[in-house]
Protein backbone atom coordinates (compact mmCIF):
# COMPACT_ATOMS: atom_id res chain seq x y z
CA MET A 1 13.82 -33.79 -104.96
CA ASP A 2 10.98 -32.02 -106.36
CA LEU A 3 8.88 -30.84 -103.59
CA ARG A 4 5.57 -29.89 -104.67
CA ALA A 5 5.75 -33.37 -106.45
CA GLN A 6 6.29 -35.41 -103.34
CA ILE A 7 3.42 -32.96 -101.54
CA ARG A 8 1.16 -34.25 -104.55
CA GLY A 9 1.71 -37.43 -104.66
CA TRP A 10 0.77 -37.81 -100.62
CA LEU A 11 -2.40 -35.98 -100.75
CA ILE A 12 -3.10 -38.40 -104.07
CA GLU A 13 -2.50 -41.32 -102.46
CA ASP A 14 -5.39 -39.61 -99.56
CA LEU A 15 -7.45 -38.00 -101.84
CA GLY A 16 -7.15 -39.80 -105.02
CA GLY A 17 -7.29 -38.54 -108.04
CA GLY A 18 -10.48 -36.90 -108.87
CA PRO A 19 -12.84 -35.37 -109.15
CA PHE A 20 -13.98 -34.36 -106.33
CA PRO A 21 -17.70 -34.16 -105.25
CA PHE A 22 -18.04 -30.69 -104.32
CA GLU A 23 -19.60 -27.57 -105.21
CA ALA A 24 -16.34 -25.39 -104.43
CA ALA A 25 -18.26 -22.77 -105.51
CA ARG A 26 -20.58 -23.30 -102.82
CA ASP A 27 -17.75 -23.68 -99.62
CA PRO A 28 -16.76 -20.26 -97.70
CA TRP A 29 -12.87 -18.99 -96.38
CA CYS A 30 -12.19 -20.11 -93.04
CA GLU A 31 -10.30 -20.56 -90.79
CA ALA A 32 -8.24 -23.07 -88.28
CA HIS A 33 -5.88 -23.62 -85.72
CA ILE A 34 -3.11 -25.53 -86.09
CA LYS A 35 -2.53 -27.04 -82.64
CA ALA A 36 0.16 -29.91 -80.57
CA LYS A 37 -1.44 -31.99 -78.09
CA SER A 38 1.88 -32.68 -76.00
CA ALA A 39 4.33 -30.30 -76.05
CA ALA A 40 6.88 -30.23 -78.70
CA VAL A 41 10.17 -28.62 -81.02
CA LEU A 42 8.33 -27.56 -84.18
CA CYS A 43 8.96 -29.41 -87.10
CA GLY A 44 7.98 -28.41 -90.83
CA ALA A 45 6.45 -25.46 -90.45
CA PRO A 46 8.55 -24.28 -94.09
CA TYR A 47 6.79 -26.51 -95.52
CA VAL A 48 3.42 -26.50 -94.45
CA LEU A 49 1.63 -23.79 -96.68
CA THR A 50 3.00 -25.67 -99.54
CA ILE A 51 1.21 -28.82 -98.55
CA LEU A 52 -1.70 -25.76 -98.64
CA GLU A 53 -0.93 -24.05 -101.54
CA GLU A 54 -0.59 -27.79 -103.81
CA THR A 55 -4.58 -29.14 -101.80
CA GLN A 56 -5.13 -26.17 -103.64
CA SER A 57 -4.42 -27.10 -106.73
CA LEU A 58 -5.27 -30.11 -106.64
CA LEU A 59 -8.92 -29.40 -106.39
CA ALA A 60 -8.96 -27.26 -109.11
CA LEU A 61 -10.93 -24.56 -106.97
CA GLY A 62 -9.70 -21.86 -110.10
CA PRO A 63 -9.33 -18.28 -108.94
CA ALA A 64 -9.95 -19.04 -104.96
CA LYS A 65 -7.91 -16.93 -102.83
CA ALA A 66 -4.43 -18.45 -102.32
CA PRO A 67 -4.09 -19.62 -98.57
CA GLU A 68 -2.75 -17.89 -95.55
CA ILE A 69 -0.15 -19.63 -92.10
CA GLU A 70 0.32 -17.14 -89.78
CA TRP A 71 3.00 -19.25 -86.86
CA GLY A 72 2.91 -18.50 -83.67
CA TYR A 73 6.31 -20.43 -83.12
CA GLU A 74 9.23 -20.45 -84.72
CA GLU A 75 10.30 -24.03 -86.95
CA GLY A 76 12.56 -25.43 -83.54
CA ALA A 77 11.23 -23.58 -80.72
CA ARG A 78 9.38 -25.61 -77.91
CA VAL A 79 5.19 -25.27 -78.04
CA PRO A 80 3.88 -25.92 -74.76
CA ALA A 81 0.99 -28.46 -74.77
CA GLY A 82 -2.18 -27.27 -76.22
CA ALA A 83 -0.51 -24.40 -77.55
CA ALA A 84 -1.54 -22.89 -81.35
CA ALA A 85 1.06 -23.68 -82.87
CA ALA A 86 0.07 -21.63 -86.33
CA ARG A 87 -3.49 -20.16 -87.84
CA ALA A 88 -4.26 -21.38 -91.58
CA ARG A 89 -6.54 -19.27 -94.10
CA GLY A 90 -8.22 -20.93 -96.52
CA HIS A 91 -11.10 -22.05 -98.62
CA ALA A 92 -13.07 -24.73 -96.71
CA GLN A 93 -11.75 -27.47 -98.75
CA THR A 94 -8.74 -27.00 -99.26
CA LEU A 95 -8.36 -27.14 -95.28
CA LEU A 96 -10.45 -30.35 -95.10
CA LYS A 97 -8.66 -32.32 -97.79
CA ALA A 98 -5.14 -31.40 -96.93
CA GLU A 99 -5.62 -31.74 -92.99
CA ARG A 100 -4.78 -35.67 -92.66
CA THR A 101 -1.42 -34.52 -94.87
CA LEU A 102 -0.30 -32.08 -93.12
CA LEU A 103 -0.32 -32.46 -89.36
CA ASN A 104 0.97 -37.09 -90.70
CA PHE A 105 3.52 -34.82 -91.76
CA LEU A 106 4.34 -32.53 -89.11
CA SER A 107 3.32 -35.05 -86.33
CA ARG A 108 6.14 -37.06 -87.69
CA LEU A 109 8.97 -34.44 -88.14
CA SER A 110 8.94 -32.64 -84.83
CA GLU A 111 8.36 -36.08 -82.87
CA ILE A 112 11.79 -36.78 -84.43
CA ALA A 113 12.85 -33.44 -83.72
CA THR A 114 11.31 -33.61 -79.79
CA HIS A 115 13.27 -36.43 -79.78
CA THR A 116 16.67 -35.90 -80.36
CA ALA A 117 16.37 -32.25 -78.80
CA GLU A 118 15.05 -34.75 -75.77
CA VAL A 119 18.17 -37.28 -76.25
CA LEU A 120 20.91 -34.13 -76.52
CA GLY A 121 19.12 -32.88 -73.37
CA SER A 122 19.57 -36.45 -71.18
CA ILE A 123 23.59 -36.47 -72.19
CA GLY A 124 25.00 -33.28 -71.03
CA ASP A 125 27.85 -31.60 -71.18
CA LEU A 126 30.44 -34.06 -73.45
CA PRO A 127 33.76 -33.93 -73.63
CA ALA A 128 35.96 -31.26 -75.75
CA GLY A 129 36.84 -32.44 -79.34
CA PHE A 130 33.56 -34.97 -79.19
CA GLY A 131 32.38 -34.10 -83.11
CA GLY A 132 28.46 -34.74 -81.88
CA ILE A 133 25.39 -37.27 -82.31
CA LEU A 134 24.77 -38.76 -85.86
CA ASP A 135 22.12 -40.47 -87.61
CA THR A 136 21.68 -43.31 -89.66
CA ARG A 137 20.08 -44.42 -93.18
CA LYS A 138 17.76 -46.10 -91.42
CA ASN A 139 14.59 -43.96 -92.89
CA THR A 140 11.12 -43.98 -93.61
CA PRO A 141 11.01 -44.56 -97.54
CA GLY A 142 10.30 -41.65 -99.15
CA LEU A 143 10.83 -39.42 -96.26
CA ARG A 144 14.72 -39.67 -95.60
CA HIS A 145 15.18 -36.46 -96.60
CA PHE A 146 13.03 -34.66 -94.33
CA GLU A 147 13.13 -36.93 -91.29
CA LYS A 148 17.20 -36.28 -91.69
CA TYR A 149 16.02 -32.54 -91.55
CA ALA A 150 14.56 -33.17 -88.41
CA VAL A 151 17.06 -34.39 -86.76
CA ARG A 152 19.21 -31.35 -87.49
CA VAL A 153 16.19 -28.96 -86.07
CA GLY A 154 16.80 -30.95 -82.75
CA GLY A 155 19.83 -30.32 -82.35
CA ALA A 156 21.54 -33.32 -83.88
CA LYS A 157 24.14 -33.88 -86.58
CA ASN A 158 23.25 -35.95 -90.25
CA HIS A 159 25.33 -39.27 -91.30
CA ARG A 160 25.68 -39.75 -95.16
CA LEU A 161 22.20 -38.94 -96.91
CA GLY A 162 23.17 -42.02 -99.00
CA PHE A 163 25.36 -44.14 -101.51
CA PHE A 164 25.93 -40.64 -103.75
CA ASP A 165 27.21 -38.34 -101.20
CA GLY A 166 29.62 -40.44 -98.69
CA ASP A 167 31.62 -44.24 -98.56
CA LEU A 168 31.15 -46.16 -96.58
CA ILE A 169 32.50 -50.00 -96.60
CA LYS A 170 30.46 -52.38 -94.47
CA ASP A 171 30.62 -56.15 -93.23
CA ASN A 172 28.61 -56.91 -96.20
CA ASP A 173 30.84 -54.33 -98.48
CA ILE A 174 33.86 -56.30 -96.24
CA ALA A 175 32.28 -60.03 -97.09
CA ALA A 176 31.24 -59.78 -101.37
CA ALA A 177 34.94 -58.29 -101.67
CA GLY A 178 36.72 -61.17 -99.60
CA GLY A 179 38.57 -59.22 -97.36
CA ILE A 180 39.23 -55.81 -95.78
CA ARG A 181 42.28 -54.32 -98.42
CA PRO A 182 39.84 -55.79 -101.62
CA ALA A 183 37.17 -54.02 -100.44
CA ILE A 184 39.33 -50.84 -99.91
CA ASP A 185 40.84 -51.83 -103.35
CA ARG A 186 37.29 -51.32 -105.00
CA ALA A 187 36.60 -47.95 -103.13
CA TRP A 188 39.47 -46.21 -103.55
CA GLY A 189 39.92 -43.31 -105.88
CA LEU A 190 36.26 -44.40 -106.99
CA ARG A 191 35.65 -40.66 -106.73
CA TYR A 192 37.76 -37.01 -106.20
CA MET A 193 37.84 -35.20 -102.76
CA ALA A 194 35.79 -38.47 -100.53
CA GLU A 195 37.54 -39.90 -98.16
CA ILE A 196 35.87 -43.30 -97.43
CA GLN A 197 35.30 -45.21 -93.73
CA ILE A 198 34.90 -48.68 -92.81
CA GLU A 199 33.80 -50.46 -90.87
CA VAL A 200 35.07 -52.53 -88.10
CA GLN A 201 33.41 -54.94 -85.29
CA ASN A 202 37.06 -56.63 -83.46
CA MET A 203 40.58 -55.71 -82.67
CA LYS A 204 41.74 -58.07 -85.73
CA GLU A 205 39.73 -56.08 -88.21
CA LEU A 206 40.37 -52.73 -86.88
CA GLU A 207 44.55 -53.64 -86.82
CA GLU A 208 44.48 -54.70 -90.05
CA VAL A 209 42.83 -51.32 -91.46
CA ILE A 210 45.72 -49.81 -89.99
CA ALA A 211 47.78 -52.29 -91.08
CA ASP A 212 46.37 -50.87 -94.79
CA GLY A 213 46.99 -47.60 -93.69
CA ARG A 214 44.73 -45.42 -96.27
CA VAL A 215 41.59 -44.78 -94.35
CA HIS A 216 41.28 -43.00 -91.44
CA MET A 217 37.51 -42.97 -91.13
CA ILE A 218 36.29 -45.76 -89.30
CA LEU A 219 33.32 -47.14 -87.17
CA LEU A 220 33.35 -49.15 -84.48
CA ASP A 221 29.80 -51.30 -84.74
CA ASN A 222 28.56 -53.16 -82.29
CA MET A 223 31.07 -53.20 -79.97
CA ASP A 224 31.12 -52.74 -75.54
CA LEU A 225 32.70 -49.98 -73.66
CA PRO A 226 35.52 -51.51 -72.58
CA ALA A 227 36.27 -52.99 -76.18
CA LEU A 228 35.55 -49.19 -77.68
CA ARG A 229 37.84 -48.01 -74.89
CA GLN A 230 40.62 -50.75 -76.35
CA ALA A 231 39.98 -50.00 -79.87
CA VAL A 232 40.14 -45.77 -79.30
CA ALA A 233 43.81 -46.09 -77.58
CA ARG A 234 44.59 -48.36 -80.23
CA ALA A 235 43.88 -45.89 -83.29
CA ARG A 236 45.59 -43.13 -81.05
CA GLN A 237 48.85 -44.96 -80.69
CA ALA A 238 48.76 -46.23 -84.54
CA LYS A 239 48.42 -42.40 -85.17
CA ALA A 240 51.30 -41.40 -82.89
CA ALA A 241 53.03 -43.79 -84.32
CA SER A 242 52.62 -43.09 -88.25
CA LYS A 243 54.78 -41.37 -90.52
CA THR A 244 52.57 -38.98 -91.36
CA GLY A 245 50.11 -38.88 -88.22
CA LYS A 246 47.17 -38.27 -89.88
CA PRO A 247 44.95 -38.82 -87.39
CA TYR A 248 41.76 -41.44 -87.42
CA SER A 249 38.53 -40.01 -86.93
CA LEU A 250 36.34 -42.67 -84.49
CA GLU A 251 32.46 -43.46 -84.86
CA ALA A 252 30.25 -45.63 -82.57
CA SER A 253 27.50 -47.08 -84.16
CA GLY A 254 25.04 -50.30 -83.31
CA ILE A 255 25.25 -48.68 -79.47
CA GLY A 256 21.02 -49.92 -78.85
CA GLY A 257 20.42 -48.25 -75.60
CA GLY A 258 23.27 -47.63 -74.71
CA ASP A 259 25.18 -44.99 -72.63
CA PHE A 260 25.71 -42.14 -74.70
CA ARG A 261 27.63 -39.98 -72.36
CA ALA A 262 29.62 -42.85 -71.68
CA ILE A 263 30.45 -44.12 -75.00
CA ALA A 264 31.12 -40.63 -75.81
CA GLN A 265 33.67 -40.16 -72.83
CA ALA A 266 35.39 -43.57 -73.99
CA GLY A 267 37.27 -41.31 -76.92
CA VAL A 268 35.27 -41.37 -80.04
CA ASP A 269 34.58 -39.17 -82.44
CA PHE A 270 31.47 -39.53 -83.16
CA ILE A 271 28.11 -42.03 -81.75
CA SER A 272 25.73 -42.74 -84.95
CA THR A 273 22.29 -43.95 -83.99
CA SER A 274 18.47 -44.51 -85.73
CA ARG A 275 17.01 -43.85 -82.10
CA LEU A 276 16.68 -40.14 -83.17
CA VAL A 277 14.80 -41.38 -85.59
CA ARG A 278 13.08 -44.72 -84.91
CA ALA A 279 12.28 -44.25 -81.25
CA ALA A 280 11.11 -41.35 -80.97
CA PRO A 281 7.72 -41.85 -79.54
CA PRO A 282 4.44 -40.70 -81.29
CA LEU A 283 3.54 -36.78 -80.88
CA ASP A 284 0.38 -35.68 -82.47
CA PHE A 285 -0.67 -32.13 -83.98
CA ASN A 286 -4.81 -31.09 -84.37
CA MET A 287 -6.87 -28.64 -85.78
CA LYS A 288 -10.23 -26.52 -86.06
CA ILE A 289 -12.26 -24.89 -87.59
CA VAL A 290 -12.78 -21.82 -85.44
CA ARG A 291 -14.09 -19.18 -87.67
CA VAL A 292 -15.95 -19.56 -90.70
CA GLY A 293 -16.47 -16.09 -93.37
């Protein structure tokens, strides 16, 4: 991913391609405060200076002094409502033209990190051996890398980033292949040192996967608590009875607004949910110029 090219694309979306109707030499050097309008887990700080730099470059401000930013809080820290998260200094047009892109980006990532931290905080202590809460690929197009980064800042973990870094056989893959065994046949051995995960939605499908014996990462999709408990017990029993004794990695998904703690206590190793990203409530930052010259 070319970070600067992506940021420049965001800026062009907002500013257009130029030329820009102002005389840069007449505009002063300014300082602005970036404030959290409500309490937030700060996320996106490492990228903000790059947004300012690319704005100045796009505006062709020539020899103007480079923008600066000073953070009052570290990435991942909790910023109180109304607090100045950062002080930005730069050419007036750099600050003015970067403002909306910068604040949109900072707000989006911080609301995901804040919501993720709140979800984890509401669960409390989880069973020993539980692997964690994962996100999904239900992301905003063009922002997947950043939204998954925000999930990590908030304290959760990432599922696969895309098709390229993880093999997951889903229900439509099974339907297209004509069944679980032919779907596994298609995926098996395509990549060296990459383990396959397969999605099952009921005990019949789970039994087929166990009988096949090749796949040991299983996603238990759209199962209620009694079904999850039954599936976990069956997979643990199958592991104990197998010749290799290789354990199954069990992930619960499609849980909607379910009770994360109860689902973890059902015995799964992971829970994946799109809610970390898609249910994050709006959160806002603003930027105010406080000194000119």
